[in-house]
Amino acid sequence: MKTLLDNFMTDFVILTTVCSNDGEGGQTTTYMESEPFQATVRHDKTEQEQTAEQQNTDSSYTIVTKKSVILNFHMIVKRVLDGACFRITSDASNVPPDFSAIDLRSASAEKIILPDN
């Protein structure tokens, strides 16, 4: 059965860093994408967050997924729709108890811009 929240979910992928030798003594970083999973992002807009955004510092987000998707601290996820990237800033323990009918897990995140290679 599809829930109201399912209507707001879109495809995301987990990005894994792969470093390789560039042949000139340096390193090239590329990102491998996982299989897509469904999630939604909410921009946390408290007064503190709005002030932080104006001062050009980090702004926080909440990423909501199904319980089966585990997003660990410092993982990078990308929204497939627009390429927006987020770094997870919480651990994976924020999940309802097993007896709960709520099939959701949430993680805190910050929006990041990956460097171009």
PDB file of N, CA and C in Angstrom:
ATOM      1  N   MET A   1       0.837  -1.177   0.000  1.00  0.00           N
ATOM      2  CA  MET A   1       0.000   0.000   0.000  1.00  0.00           C
ATOM      3  C   MET A   1       0.884   1.244   0.000  1.00  0.00           C
ATOM      4  N   LYS A   2       0.595   2.173  -0.877  1.00  0.00           N
ATOM      5  CA  LYS A   2       1.364   3.398  -1.010  1.00  0.00           C
ATOM      6  C   LYS A   2       0.870   4.439   0.000  1.00  0.00           C
ATOM      7  N   THR A   3       1.832   5.062   0.708  1.00  0.00           N
ATOM      8  CA  THR A   3       1.473   6.073   1.697  1.00  0.00           C
ATOM      9  C   THR A   3       1.620   7.467   1.095  1.00  0.00           C
ATOM     10  N   LEU A   4       1.136   8.459   1.808  1.00  0.00           N
ATOM     11  CA  LEU A   4       1.265   9.843   1.364  1.00  0.00           C
ATOM     12  C   LEU A   4       2.733  10.229   1.212  1.00  0.00           C
ATOM     13  N   LEU A   5       3.571   9.788   2.145  1.00  0.00           N
ATOM     14  CA  LEU A   5       5.003  10.111   2.079  1.00  0.00           C
ATOM     15  C   LEU A   5       5.653   9.507   0.832  1.00  0.00           C
ATOM     16  N   ASP A   6       5.192   8.333   0.421  1.00  0.00           N
ATOM     17  CA  ASP A   6       5.731   7.708  -0.789  1.00  0.00           C
ATOM     18  C   ASP A   6       5.593   8.622  -2.004  1.00  0.00           C
ATOM     19  N   ASN A   7       4.548   9.435  -2.037  1.00  0.00           N
ATOM     20  CA  ASN A   7       4.340  10.348  -3.155  1.00  0.00           C
ATOM     21  C   ASN A   7       5.413  11.437  -3.226  1.00  0.00           C
ATOM     22  N   PHE A   8       6.074  11.706  -2.113  1.00  0.00           N
ATOM     23  CA  PHE A   8       7.103  12.733  -2.073  1.00  0.00           C
ATOM     24  C   PHE A   8       8.506  12.176  -2.223  1.00  0.00           C
ATOM     25  N   MET A   9       8.635  10.859  -2.259  1.00  0.00           N
ATOM     26  CA  MET A   9       9.952  10.241  -2.372  1.00  0.00           C
ATOM     27  C   MET A   9      10.405  10.198  -3.820  1.00  0.00           C
ATOM     28  N   THR A  10      11.715  10.288  -3.989  1.00  0.00           N
ATOM     29  CA  THR A  10      12.327  10.262  -5.306  1.00  0.00           C
ATOM     30  C   THR A  10      13.601   9.424  -5.226  1.00  0.00           C
ATOM     31  N   ASP A  11      14.206   9.131  -6.363  1.00  0.00           N
ATOM     32  CA  ASP A  11      15.408   8.301  -6.391  1.00  0.00           C
ATOM     33  C   ASP A  11      16.636   9.051  -5.888  1.00  0.00           C
ATOM     34  N   PHE A  12      17.406   8.373  -5.055  1.00  0.00           N
ATOM     35  CA  PHE A  12      18.714   8.811  -4.577  1.00  0.00           C
ATOM     36  C   PHE A  12      19.690   7.680  -4.817  1.00  0.00           C
ATOM     37  N   VAL A  13      20.986   7.994  -4.842  1.00  0.00           N
ATOM     38  CA  VAL A  13      22.039   6.979  -4.891  1.00  0.00           C
ATOM     39  C   VAL A  13      23.086   7.335  -3.850  1.00  0.00           C
ATOM     40  N   ILE A  14      23.777   6.315  -3.343  1.00  0.00           N
ATOM     41  CA  ILE A  14      24.916   6.524  -2.453  1.00  0.00           C
ATOM     42  C   ILE A  14      26.153   6.633  -3.330  1.00  0.00           C
ATOM     43  N   LEU A  15      26.988   7.637  -3.057  1.00  0.00           N
ATOM     44  CA  LEU A  15      28.228   7.815  -3.807  1.00  0.00           C
ATOM     45  C   LEU A  15      29.391   7.265  -2.995  1.00  0.00           C
ATOM     46  N   THR A  16      30.187   6.406  -3.624  1.00  0.00           N
ATOM     47  CA  THR A  16      31.380   5.845  -3.002  1.00  0.00           C
ATOM     48  C   THR A  16      32.594   6.440  -3.693  1.00  0.00           C
ATOM     49  N   THR A  17      33.549   6.931  -2.903  1.00  0.00           N
ATOM     50  CA  THR A  17      34.762   7.556  -3.442  1.00  0.00           C
ATOM     51  C   THR A  17      35.723   6.497  -3.944  1.00  0.00           C
ATOM     52  N   VAL A  18      36.238   6.687  -5.158  1.00  0.00           N
ATOM     53  CA  VAL A  18      37.251   5.816  -5.737  1.00  0.00           C
ATOM     54  C   VAL A  18      38.415   6.696  -6.158  1.00  0.00           C
ATOM     55  N   CYS A  19      39.585   6.455  -5.574  1.00  0.00           N
ATOM     56  CA  CYS A  19      40.786   7.234  -5.905  1.00  0.00           C
ATOM     57  C   CYS A  19      41.702   6.386  -6.773  1.00  0.00           C
ATOM     58  N   SER A  20      42.293   7.016  -7.778  1.00  0.00           N
ATOM     59  CA  SER A  20      43.230   6.306  -8.645  1.00  0.00           C
ATOM     60  C   SER A  20      44.395   7.222  -8.990  1.00  0.00           C
ATOM     61  N   ASN A  21      45.503   6.621  -9.337  1.00  0.00           N
ATOM     62  CA  ASN A  21      46.706   7.348  -9.709  1.00  0.00           C
ATOM     63  C   ASN A  21      46.486   8.003 -11.065  1.00  0.00           C
ATOM     64  N   ASP A  22      46.842   9.290 -11.184  1.00  0.00           N
ATOM     65  CA  ASP A  22      46.625   9.981 -12.458  1.00  0.00           C
ATOM     66  C   ASP A  22      47.806   9.865 -13.409  1.00  0.00           C
ATOM     67  N   GLY A  23      48.869   9.135 -13.005  1.00  0.00           N
ATOM     68  CA  GLY A  23      50.023   8.930 -13.874  1.00  0.00           C
ATOM     69  C   GLY A  23      51.029  10.066 -13.835  1.00  0.00           C
ATOM     70  N   GLU A  24      50.719  11.126 -13.116  1.00  0.00           N
ATOM     71  CA  GLU A  24      51.626  12.268 -13.017  1.00  0.00           C
ATOM     72  C   GLU A  24      51.974  12.584 -11.567  1.00  0.00           C
ATOM     73  N   GLY A  25      51.850  11.597 -10.691  1.00  0.00           N
ATOM     74  CA  GLY A  25      52.171  11.778  -9.284  1.00  0.00           C
ATOM     75  C   GLY A  25      51.015  12.282  -8.458  1.00  0.00           C
ATOM     76  N   GLY A  26      49.891  12.455  -9.066  1.00  0.00           N
ATOM     77  CA  GLY A  26      48.710  12.927  -8.347  1.00  0.00           C
ATOM     78  C   GLY A  26      47.651  11.858  -8.267  1.00  0.00           C
ATOM     79  N   GLN A  27      46.482  12.286  -7.907  1.00  0.00           N
ATOM     80  CA  GLN A  27      45.383  11.366  -7.714  1.00  0.00           C
ATOM     81  C   GLN A  27      44.121  11.909  -8.357  1.00  0.00           C
ATOM     82  N   THR A  28      43.309  11.021  -8.889  1.00  0.00           N
ATOM     83  CA  THR A  28      42.024  11.377  -9.451  1.00  0.00           C
ATOM     84  C   THR A  28      40.939  10.733  -8.600  1.00  0.00           C
ATOM     85  N   THR A  29      39.951  11.526  -8.229  1.00  0.00           N
ATOM     86  CA  THR A  29      38.842  11.014  -7.436  1.00  0.00           C
ATOM     87  C   THR A  29      37.599  10.946  -8.303  1.00  0.00           C
ATOM     88  N   THR A  30      36.975   9.789  -8.311  1.00  0.00           N
ATOM     89  CA  THR A  30      35.701   9.618  -9.004  1.00  0.00           C
ATOM     90  C   THR A  30      34.704   9.036  -8.006  1.00  0.00           C
ATOM     91  N   TYR A  31      33.438   9.067  -8.377  1.00  0.00           N
ATOM     92  CA  TYR A  31      32.390   8.580  -7.496  1.00  0.00           C
ATOM     93  C   TYR A  31      31.597   7.497  -8.195  1.00  0.00           C
ATOM     94  N   MET A  32      31.468   6.360  -7.520  1.00  0.00           N
ATOM     95  CA  MET A  32      30.656   5.251  -8.020  1.00  0.00           C
ATOM     96  C   MET A  32      29.277   5.368  -7.387  1.00  0.00           C
ATOM     97  N   GLU A  33      28.225   5.113  -8.168  1.00  0.00           N
ATOM     98  CA  GLU A  33      26.849   5.226  -7.679  1.00  0.00           C
ATOM     99  C   GLU A  33      26.276   3.858  -7.339  1.00  0.00           C
ATOM    100  N   SER A  34      25.550   3.809  -6.230  1.00  0.00           N
ATOM    101  CA  SER A  34      24.859   2.585  -5.825  1.00  0.00           C
ATOM    102  C   SER A  34      23.583   2.426  -6.643  1.00  0.00           C
ATOM    103  N   GLU A  35      22.872   1.353  -6.358  1.00  0.00           N
ATOM    104  CA  GLU A  35      21.535   1.192  -6.915  1.00  0.00           C
ATOM    105  C   GLU A  35      20.637   2.271  -6.312  1.00  0.00           C
ATOM    106  N   PRO A  36      19.674   2.776  -7.063  1.00  0.00           N
ATOM    107  CA  PRO A  36      18.795   3.819  -6.518  1.00  0.00           C
ATOM    108  C   PRO A  36      17.953   3.318  -5.345  1.00  0.00           C
ATOM    109  N   PHE A  37      17.668   4.229  -4.429  1.00  0.00           N
ATOM    110  CA  PHE A  37      16.742   3.972  -3.330  1.00  0.00           C
ATOM    111  C   PHE A  37      15.836   5.190  -3.204  1.00  0.00           C
ATOM    112  N   GLN A  38      14.690   4.991  -2.587  1.00  0.00           N
ATOM    113  CA  GLN A  38      13.704   6.057  -2.436  1.00  0.00           C
ATOM    114  C   GLN A  38      13.944   6.835  -1.144  1.00  0.00           C
ATOM    115  N   ALA A  39      13.903   8.159  -1.241  1.00  0.00           N
ATOM    116  CA  ALA A  39      14.058   9.027  -0.071  1.00  0.00           C
ATOM    117  C   ALA A  39      13.436  10.383  -0.376  1.00  0.00           C
ATOM    118  N   THR A  40      13.282  11.171   0.669  1.00  0.00           N
ATOM    119  CA  THR A  40      12.844  12.546   0.524  1.00  0.00           C
ATOM    120  C   THR A  40      13.705  13.404   1.438  1.00  0.00           C
ATOM    121  N   VAL A  41      13.829  14.683   1.098  1.00  0.00           N
ATOM    122  CA  VAL A  41      14.670  15.596   1.864  1.00  0.00           C
ATOM    123  C   VAL A  41      13.824  16.752   2.364  1.00  0.00           C
ATOM    124  N   ARG A  42      14.047  17.095   3.629  1.00  0.00           N
ATOM    125  CA  ARG A  42      13.382  18.262   4.206  1.00  0.00           C
ATOM    126  C   ARG A  42      14.461  19.231   4.670  1.00  0.00           C
ATOM    127  N   HIS A  43      14.335  20.481   4.232  1.00  0.00           N
ATOM    128  CA  HIS A  43      15.267  21.536   4.649  1.00  0.00           C
ATOM    129  C   HIS A  43      14.837  22.018   6.023  1.00  0.00           C
ATOM    130  N   ASP A  44      15.717  21.887   7.008  1.00  0.00           N
ATOM    131  CA  ASP A  44      15.405  22.307   8.372  1.00  0.00           C
ATOM    132  C   ASP A  44      15.558  23.819   8.465  1.00  0.00           C
ATOM    133  N   LYS A  45      14.448  24.514   8.599  1.00  0.00           N
ATOM    134  CA  LYS A  45      14.433  25.984   8.548  1.00  0.00           C
ATOM    135  C   LYS A  45      14.113  26.606   9.906  1.00  0.00           C
ATOM    136  N   THR A  46      14.964  26.414  10.884  1.00  0.00           N
ATOM    137  CA  THR A  46      14.796  27.110  12.149  1.00  0.00           C
ATOM    138  C   THR A  46      15.401  28.503  12.003  1.00  0.00           C
ATOM    139  N   GLU A  47      15.187  29.347  12.972  1.00  0.00           N
ATOM    140  CA  GLU A  47      15.789  30.680  12.917  1.00  0.00           C
ATOM    141  C   GLU A  47      17.307  30.581  12.863  1.00  0.00           C
ATOM    142  N   GLN A  48      17.872  29.663  13.632  1.00  0.00           N
ATOM    143  CA  GLN A  48      19.320  29.481  13.626  1.00  0.00           C
ATOM    144  C   GLN A  48      19.814  29.058  12.248  1.00  0.00           C
ATOM    145  N   GLU A  49      19.070  28.171  11.608  1.00  0.00           N
ATOM    146  CA  GLU A  49      19.466  27.701  10.277  1.00  0.00           C
ATOM    147  C   GLU A  49      19.395  28.827   9.252  1.00  0.00           C
ATOM    148  N   GLN A  50      18.363  29.631   9.323  1.00  0.00           N
ATOM    149  CA  GLN A  50      18.252  30.741   8.388  1.00  0.00           C
ATOM    150  C   GLN A  50      19.407  31.715   8.576  1.00  0.00           C
ATOM    151  N   THR A  51      19.777  31.985   9.824  1.00  0.00           N
ATOM    152  CA  THR A  51      20.916  32.869  10.104  1.00  0.00           C
ATOM    153  C   THR A  51      22.202  32.247   9.588  1.00  0.00           C
ATOM    154  N   ALA A  52      22.376  30.939   9.801  1.00  0.00           N
ATOM    155  CA  ALA A  52      23.577  30.255   9.331  1.00  0.00           C
ATOM    156  C   ALA A  52      23.690  30.322   7.815  1.00  0.00           C
ATOM    157  N   GLU A  53      22.565  30.136   7.120  1.00  0.00           N
ATOM    158  CA  GLU A  53      22.576  30.220   5.660  1.00  0.00           C
ATOM    159  C   GLU A  53      23.005  31.606   5.190  1.00  0.00           C
ATOM    160  N   GLN A  54      22.506  32.630   5.844  1.00  0.00           N
ATOM    161  CA  GLN A  54      22.852  34.000   5.470  1.00  0.00           C
ATOM    162  C   GLN A  54      24.324  34.269   5.708  1.00  0.00           C
ATOM    163  N   GLN A  55      24.922  33.588   6.671  1.00  0.00           N
ATOM    164  CA  GLN A  55      26.341  33.766   6.970  1.00  0.00           C
ATOM    165  C   GLN A  55      27.199  32.815   6.154  1.00  0.00           C
ATOM    166  N   ASN A  56      26.578  32.140   5.197  1.00  0.00           N
ATOM    167  CA  ASN A  56      27.292  31.236   4.289  1.00  0.00           C
ATOM    168  C   ASN A  56      27.910  30.038   4.999  1.00  0.00           C
ATOM    169  N   THR A  57      27.274  29.553   6.051  1.00  0.00           N
ATOM    170  CA  THR A  57      27.733  28.343   6.714  1.00  0.00           C
ATOM    171  C   THR A  57      26.749  27.224   6.399  1.00  0.00           C
ATOM    172  N   ASP A  58      27.016  26.068   6.962  1.00  0.00           N
ATOM    173  CA  ASP A  58      26.198  24.897   6.655  1.00  0.00           C
ATOM    174  C   ASP A  58      24.737  25.078   7.038  1.00  0.00           C
ATOM    175  N   SER A  59      23.882  24.483   6.253  1.00  0.00           N
ATOM    176  CA  SER A  59      22.462  24.435   6.522  1.00  0.00           C
ATOM    177  C   SER A  59      22.117  22.962   6.671  1.00  0.00           C
ATOM    178  N   SER A  60      21.188  22.632   7.556  1.00  0.00           N
ATOM    179  CA  SER A  60      20.926  21.216   7.781  1.00  0.00           C
ATOM    180  C   SER A  60      19.644  20.752   7.101  1.00  0.00           C
ATOM    181  N   TYR A  61      19.637  19.469   6.807  1.00  0.00           N
ATOM    182  CA  TYR A  61      18.533  18.811   6.126  1.00  0.00           C
ATOM    183  C   TYR A  61      18.229  17.522   6.866  1.00  0.00           C
ATOM    184  N   THR A  62      17.036  17.002   6.662  1.00  0.00           N
ATOM    185  CA  THR A  62      16.670  15.682   7.153  1.00  0.00           C
ATOM    186  C   THR A  62      16.322  14.835   5.945  1.00  0.00           C
ATOM    187  N   ILE A  63      16.954  13.676   5.843  1.00  0.00           N
ATOM    188  CA  ILE A  63      16.673  12.736   4.757  1.00  0.00           C
ATOM    189  C   ILE A  63      15.878  11.580   5.352  1.00  0.00           C
ATOM    190  N   VAL A  64      14.732  11.299   4.758  1.00  0.00           N
ATOM    191  CA  VAL A  64      13.844  10.242   5.249  1.00  0.00           C
ATOM    192  C   VAL A  64      13.817   9.122   4.217  1.00  0.00           C
ATOM    193  N   THR A  65      14.053   7.892   4.681  1.00  0.00           N
ATOM    194  CA  THR A  65      14.066   6.708   3.825  1.00  0.00           C
ATOM    195  C   THR A  65      13.233   5.611   4.471  1.00  0.00           C
ATOM    196  N   LYS A  66      13.138   4.509   3.793  1.00  0.00           N
ATOM    197  CA  LYS A  66      12.549   3.307   4.385  1.00  0.00           C
ATOM    198  C   LYS A  66      13.536   2.745   5.414  1.00  0.00           C
ATOM    199  N   LYS A  67      13.031   1.944   6.365  1.00  0.00           N
ATOM    200  CA  LYS A  67      13.894   1.375   7.408  1.00  0.00           C
ATOM    201  C   LYS A  67      15.029   0.534   6.828  1.00  0.00           C
ATOM    202  N   SER A  68      14.810  -0.061   5.680  1.00  0.00           N
ATOM    203  CA  SER A  68      15.818  -0.955   5.098  1.00  0.00           C
ATOM    204  C   SER A  68      17.038  -0.210   4.554  1.00  0.00           C
ATOM    205  N   VAL A  69      16.936   1.107   4.371  1.00  0.00           N
ATOM    206  CA  VAL A  69      18.057   1.906   3.853  1.00  0.00           C
ATOM    207  C   VAL A  69      18.828   2.481   5.031  1.00  0.00           C
ATOM    208  N   ILE A  70      20.093   2.111   5.143  1.00  0.00           N
ATOM    209  CA  ILE A  70      20.926   2.571   6.251  1.00  0.00           C
ATOM    210  C   ILE A  70      21.943   3.583   5.717  1.00  0.00           C
ATOM    211  N   LEU A  71      21.838   4.812   6.205  1.00  0.00           N
ATOM    212  CA  LEU A  71      22.750   5.871   5.811  1.00  0.00           C
ATOM    213  C   LEU A  71      23.668   6.182   6.997  1.00  0.00           C
ATOM    214  N   ASN A  72      24.934   5.822   6.877  1.00  0.00           N
ATOM    215  CA  ASN A  72      25.893   5.997   7.955  1.00  0.00           C
ATOM    216  C   ASN A  72      26.556   7.363   7.909  1.00  0.00           C
ATOM    217  N   PHE A  73      27.126   7.752   9.037  1.00  0.00           N
ATOM    218  CA  PHE A  73      27.822   9.023   9.191  1.00  0.00           C
ATOM    219  C   PHE A  73      28.845   9.220   8.073  1.00  0.00           C
ATOM    220  N   HIS A  74      28.796  10.362   7.457  1.00  0.00           N
ATOM    221  CA  HIS A  74      29.699  10.849   6.410  1.00  0.00           C
ATOM    222  C   HIS A  74      29.495  10.207   5.041  1.00  0.00           C
ATOM    223  N   MET A  75      28.473   9.373   4.881  1.00  0.00           N
ATOM    224  CA  MET A  75      28.136   8.890   3.538  1.00  0.00           C
ATOM    225  C   MET A  75      27.693  10.081   2.712  1.00  0.00           C
ATOM    226  N   ILE A  76      27.889   9.988   1.410  1.00  0.00           N
ATOM    227  CA  ILE A  76      27.412  11.024   0.493  1.00  0.00           C
ATOM    228  C   ILE A  76      26.308  10.410  -0.355  1.00  0.00           C
ATOM    229  N   VAL A  77      25.161  11.101  -0.412  1.00  0.00           N
ATOM    230  CA  VAL A  77      24.054  10.653  -1.244  1.00  0.00           C
ATOM    231  C   VAL A  77      23.726  11.748  -2.260  1.00  0.00           C
ATOM    232  N   LYS A  78      23.252  11.306  -3.420  1.00  0.00           N
ATOM    233  CA  LYS A  78      22.913  12.251  -4.490  1.00  0.00           C
ATOM    234  C   LYS A  78      21.467  12.042  -4.902  1.00  0.00           C
ATOM    235  N   ARG A  79      20.727  13.151  -5.001  1.00  0.00           N
ATOM    236  CA  ARG A  79      19.362  13.101  -5.519  1.00  0.00           C
ATOM    237  C   ARG A  79      19.479  13.006  -7.033  1.00  0.00           C
ATOM    238  N   VAL A  80      18.945  11.953  -7.628  1.00  0.00           N
ATOM    239  CA  VAL A  80      19.079  11.696  -9.062  1.00  0.00           C
ATOM    240  C   VAL A  80      18.407  12.792  -9.888  1.00  0.00           C
ATOM    241  N   LEU A  81      17.278  13.288  -9.445  1.00  0.00           N
ATOM    242  CA  LEU A  81      16.490  14.272 -10.177  1.00  0.00           C
ATOM    243  C   LEU A  81      17.290  15.513 -10.573  1.00  0.00           C
ATOM    244  N   ASP A  82      18.058  16.071  -9.625  1.00  0.00           N
ATOM    245  CA  ASP A  82      18.776  17.320  -9.906  1.00  0.00           C
ATOM    246  C   ASP A  82      20.268  17.271  -9.590  1.00  0.00           C
ATOM    247  N   GLY A  83      20.767  16.136  -9.122  1.00  0.00           N
ATOM    248  CA  GLY A  83      22.196  16.002  -8.836  1.00  0.00           C
ATOM    249  C   GLY A  83      22.637  16.624  -7.525  1.00  0.00           C
ATOM    250  N   ALA A  84      21.708  17.098  -6.699  1.00  0.00           N
ATOM    251  CA  ALA A  84      22.070  17.689  -5.407  1.00  0.00           C
ATOM    252  C   ALA A  84      22.687  16.611  -4.518  1.00  0.00           C
ATOM    253  N   CYS A  85      23.800  16.959  -3.848  1.00  0.00           N
ATOM    254  CA  CYS A  85      24.512  16.006  -2.999  1.00  0.00           C
ATOM    255  C   CYS A  85      24.417  16.414  -1.534  1.00  0.00           C
ATOM    256  N   PHE A  86      24.340  15.411  -0.675  1.00  0.00           N
ATOM    257  CA  PHE A  86      24.208  15.623   0.755  1.00  0.00           C
ATOM    258  C   PHE A  86      25.164  14.693   1.490  1.00  0.00           C
ATOM    259  N   ARG A  87      25.825  15.208   2.546  1.00  0.00           N
ATOM    260  CA  ARG A  87      26.687  14.389   3.406  1.00  0.00           C
ATOM    261  C   ARG A  87      25.914  14.107   4.694  1.00  0.00           C
ATOM    262  N   ILE A  88      25.845  12.841   5.075  1.00  0.00           N
ATOM    263  CA  ILE A  88      25.126  12.439   6.275  1.00  0.00           C
ATOM    264  C   ILE A  88      25.927  12.890   7.504  1.00  0.00           C
ATOM    265  N   THR A  89      25.227  13.535   8.453  1.00  0.00           N
ATOM    266  CA  THR A  89      25.891  14.070   9.643  1.00  0.00           C
ATOM    267  C   THR A  89      25.403  13.414  10.935  1.00  0.00           C
ATOM    268  N   SER A  90      24.635  12.332  10.827  1.00  0.00           N
ATOM    269  CA  SER A  90      24.162  11.611  12.011  1.00  0.00           C
ATOM    270  C   SER A  90      24.478  10.138  11.831  1.00  0.00           C
ATOM    271  N   ASP A  91      24.314   9.366  12.904  1.00  0.00           N
ATOM    272  CA  ASP A  91      24.515   7.930  12.770  1.00  0.00           C
ATOM    273  C   ASP A  91      23.223   7.273  12.290  1.00  0.00           C
ATOM    274  N   ALA A  92      23.285   5.980  12.087  1.00  0.00           N
ATOM    275  CA  ALA A  92      22.156   5.256  11.492  1.00  0.00           C
ATOM    276  C   ALA A  92      21.173   4.731  12.522  1.00  0.00           C
ATOM    277  N   SER A  93      21.254   5.190  13.753  1.00  0.00           N
ATOM    278  CA  SER A  93      20.425   4.595  14.807  1.00  0.00           C
ATOM    279  C   SER A  93      19.029   5.192  14.911  1.00  0.00           C
ATOM    280  N   ASN A  94      18.711   6.210  14.135  1.00  0.00           N
ATOM    281  CA  ASN A  94      17.415   6.868  14.229  1.00  0.00           C
ATOM    282  C   ASN A  94      16.359   6.088  13.440  1.00  0.00           C
ATOM    283  N   VAL A  95      15.809   5.063  14.082  1.00  0.00           N
ATOM    284  CA  VAL A  95      14.847   4.179  13.424  1.00  0.00           C
ATOM    285  C   VAL A  95      13.755   3.794  14.427  1.00  0.00           C
ATOM    286  N   PRO A  96      12.506   3.684  13.989  1.00  0.00           N
ATOM    287  CA  PRO A  96      11.447   3.268  14.911  1.00  0.00           C
ATOM    288  C   PRO A  96      11.689   1.839  15.409  1.00  0.00           C
ATOM    289  N   PRO A  97      11.118   1.475  16.548  1.00  0.00           N
ATOM    290  CA  PRO A  97      11.267   0.099  17.040  1.00  0.00           C
ATOM    291  C   PRO A  97      10.626  -0.905  16.094  1.00  0.00           C
ATOM    292  N   ASP A  98      11.056  -2.155  16.200  1.00  0.00           N
ATOM    293  CA  ASP A  98      10.559  -3.217  15.316  1.00  0.00           C
ATOM    294  C   ASP A  98       9.041  -3.367  15.341  1.00  0.00           C
ATOM    295  N   PHE A  99       8.421  -3.140  16.489  1.00  0.00           N
ATOM    296  CA  PHE A  99       6.976  -3.334  16.593  1.00  0.00           C
ATOM    297  C   PHE A  99       6.179  -2.176  15.977  1.00  0.00           C
ATOM    298  N   SER A 100       6.854  -1.106  15.571  1.00  0.00           N
ATOM    299  CA  SER A 100       6.171   0.048  14.994  1.00  0.00           C
ATOM    300  C   SER A 100       5.737  -0.230  13.558  1.00  0.00           C
ATOM    301  N   ALA A 101       4.587   0.283  13.187  1.00  0.00           N
ATOM    302  CA  ALA A 101       4.098   0.141  11.808  1.00  0.00           C
ATOM    303  C   ALA A 101       4.745   1.172  10.881  1.00  0.00           C
ATOM    304  N   ILE A 102       5.495   2.097  11.447  1.00  0.00           N
ATOM    305  CA  ILE A 102       6.140   3.135  10.637  1.00  0.00           C
ATOM    306  C   ILE A 102       7.398   2.563  10.006  1.00  0.00           C
ATOM    307  N   ASP A 103       7.426   2.516   8.687  1.00  0.00           N
ATOM    308  CA  ASP A 103       8.559   1.948   7.952  1.00  0.00           C
ATOM    309  C   ASP A 103       9.475   3.068   7.467  1.00  0.00           C
ATOM    310  N   LEU A 104       9.961   3.892   8.397  1.00  0.00           N
ATOM    311  CA  LEU A 104      10.798   5.028   8.027  1.00  0.00           C
ATOM    312  C   LEU A 104      12.018   5.131   8.918  1.00  0.00           C
ATOM    313  N   ARG A 105      13.062   5.706   8.366  1.00  0.00           N
ATOM    314  CA  ARG A 105      14.296   6.003   9.079  1.00  0.00           C
ATOM    315  C   ARG A 105      14.701   7.403   8.645  1.00  0.00           C
ATOM    316  N   SER A 106      15.296   8.179   9.548  1.00  0.00           N
ATOM    317  CA  SER A 106      15.732   9.521   9.157  1.00  0.00           C
ATOM    318  C   SER A 106      17.194   9.722   9.496  1.00  0.00           C
ATOM    319  N   ALA A 107      17.831  10.631   8.771  1.00  0.00           N
ATOM    320  CA  ALA A 107      19.233  10.974   9.001  1.00  0.00           C
ATOM    321  C   ALA A 107      19.403  12.472   8.786  1.00  0.00           C
ATOM    322  N   SER A 108      20.244  13.084   9.588  1.00  0.00           N
ATOM    323  CA  SER A 108      20.588  14.489   9.396  1.00  0.00           C
ATOM    324  C   SER A 108      21.649  14.577   8.309  1.00  0.00           C
ATOM    325  N   ALA A 109      21.627  15.690   7.564  1.00  0.00           N
ATOM    326  CA  ALA A 109      22.583  15.845   6.476  1.00  0.00           C
ATOM    327  C   ALA A 109      22.876  17.312   6.231  1.00  0.00           C
ATOM    328  N   GLU A 110      23.963  17.559   5.518  1.00  0.00           N
ATOM    329  CA  GLU A 110      24.288  18.910   5.056  1.00  0.00           C
ATOM    330  C   GLU A 110      24.454  18.835   3.540  1.00  0.00           C
ATOM    331  N   LYS A 111      24.061  19.895   2.860  1.00  0.00           N
ATOM    332  CA  LYS A 111      24.197  19.943   1.402  1.00  0.00           C
ATOM    333  C   LYS A 111      25.644  20.256   1.074  1.00  0.00           C
ATOM    334  N   ILE A 112      26.201  19.551   0.099  1.00  0.00           N
ATOM    335  CA  ILE A 112      27.597  19.777  -0.291  1.00  0.00           C
ATOM    336  C   ILE A 112      27.704  19.900  -1.803  1.00  0.00           C
ATOM    337  N   ILE A 113      28.797  20.463  -2.245  1.00  0.00           N
ATOM    338  CA  ILE A 113      29.101  20.545  -3.672  1.00  0.00           C
ATOM    339  C   ILE A 113      30.390  19.754  -3.884  1.00  0.00           C
ATOM    340  N   LEU A 114      30.310  18.743  -4.721  1.00  0.00           N
ATOM    341  CA  LEU A 114      31.494  17.922  -5.000  1.00  0.00           C
ATOM    342  C   LEU A 114      32.392  18.643  -6.000  1.00  0.00           C
ATOM    343  N   PRO A 115      33.711  18.555  -5.815  1.00  0.00           N
ATOM    344  CA  PRO A 115      34.623  19.201  -6.763  1.00  0.00           C
ATOM    345  C   PRO A 115      34.580  18.513  -8.121  1.00  0.00           C
ATOM    346  N   ASP A 116      34.764  19.296  -9.178  1.00  0.00           N
ATOM    347  CA  ASP A 116      34.849  18.724 -10.520  1.00  0.00           C
ATOM    348  C   ASP A 116      36.273  18.224 -10.746  1.00  0.00           C
ATOM    349  N   ASN A 117      36.376  17.128 -11.465  1.00  0.00           N
ATOM    350  CA  ASN A 117      37.721  16.599 -11.789  1.00  0.00           C
ATOM    351  C   ASN A 117      38.085  16.946 -13.191  1.00  0.00           C
TER     352      ASN A 117
END
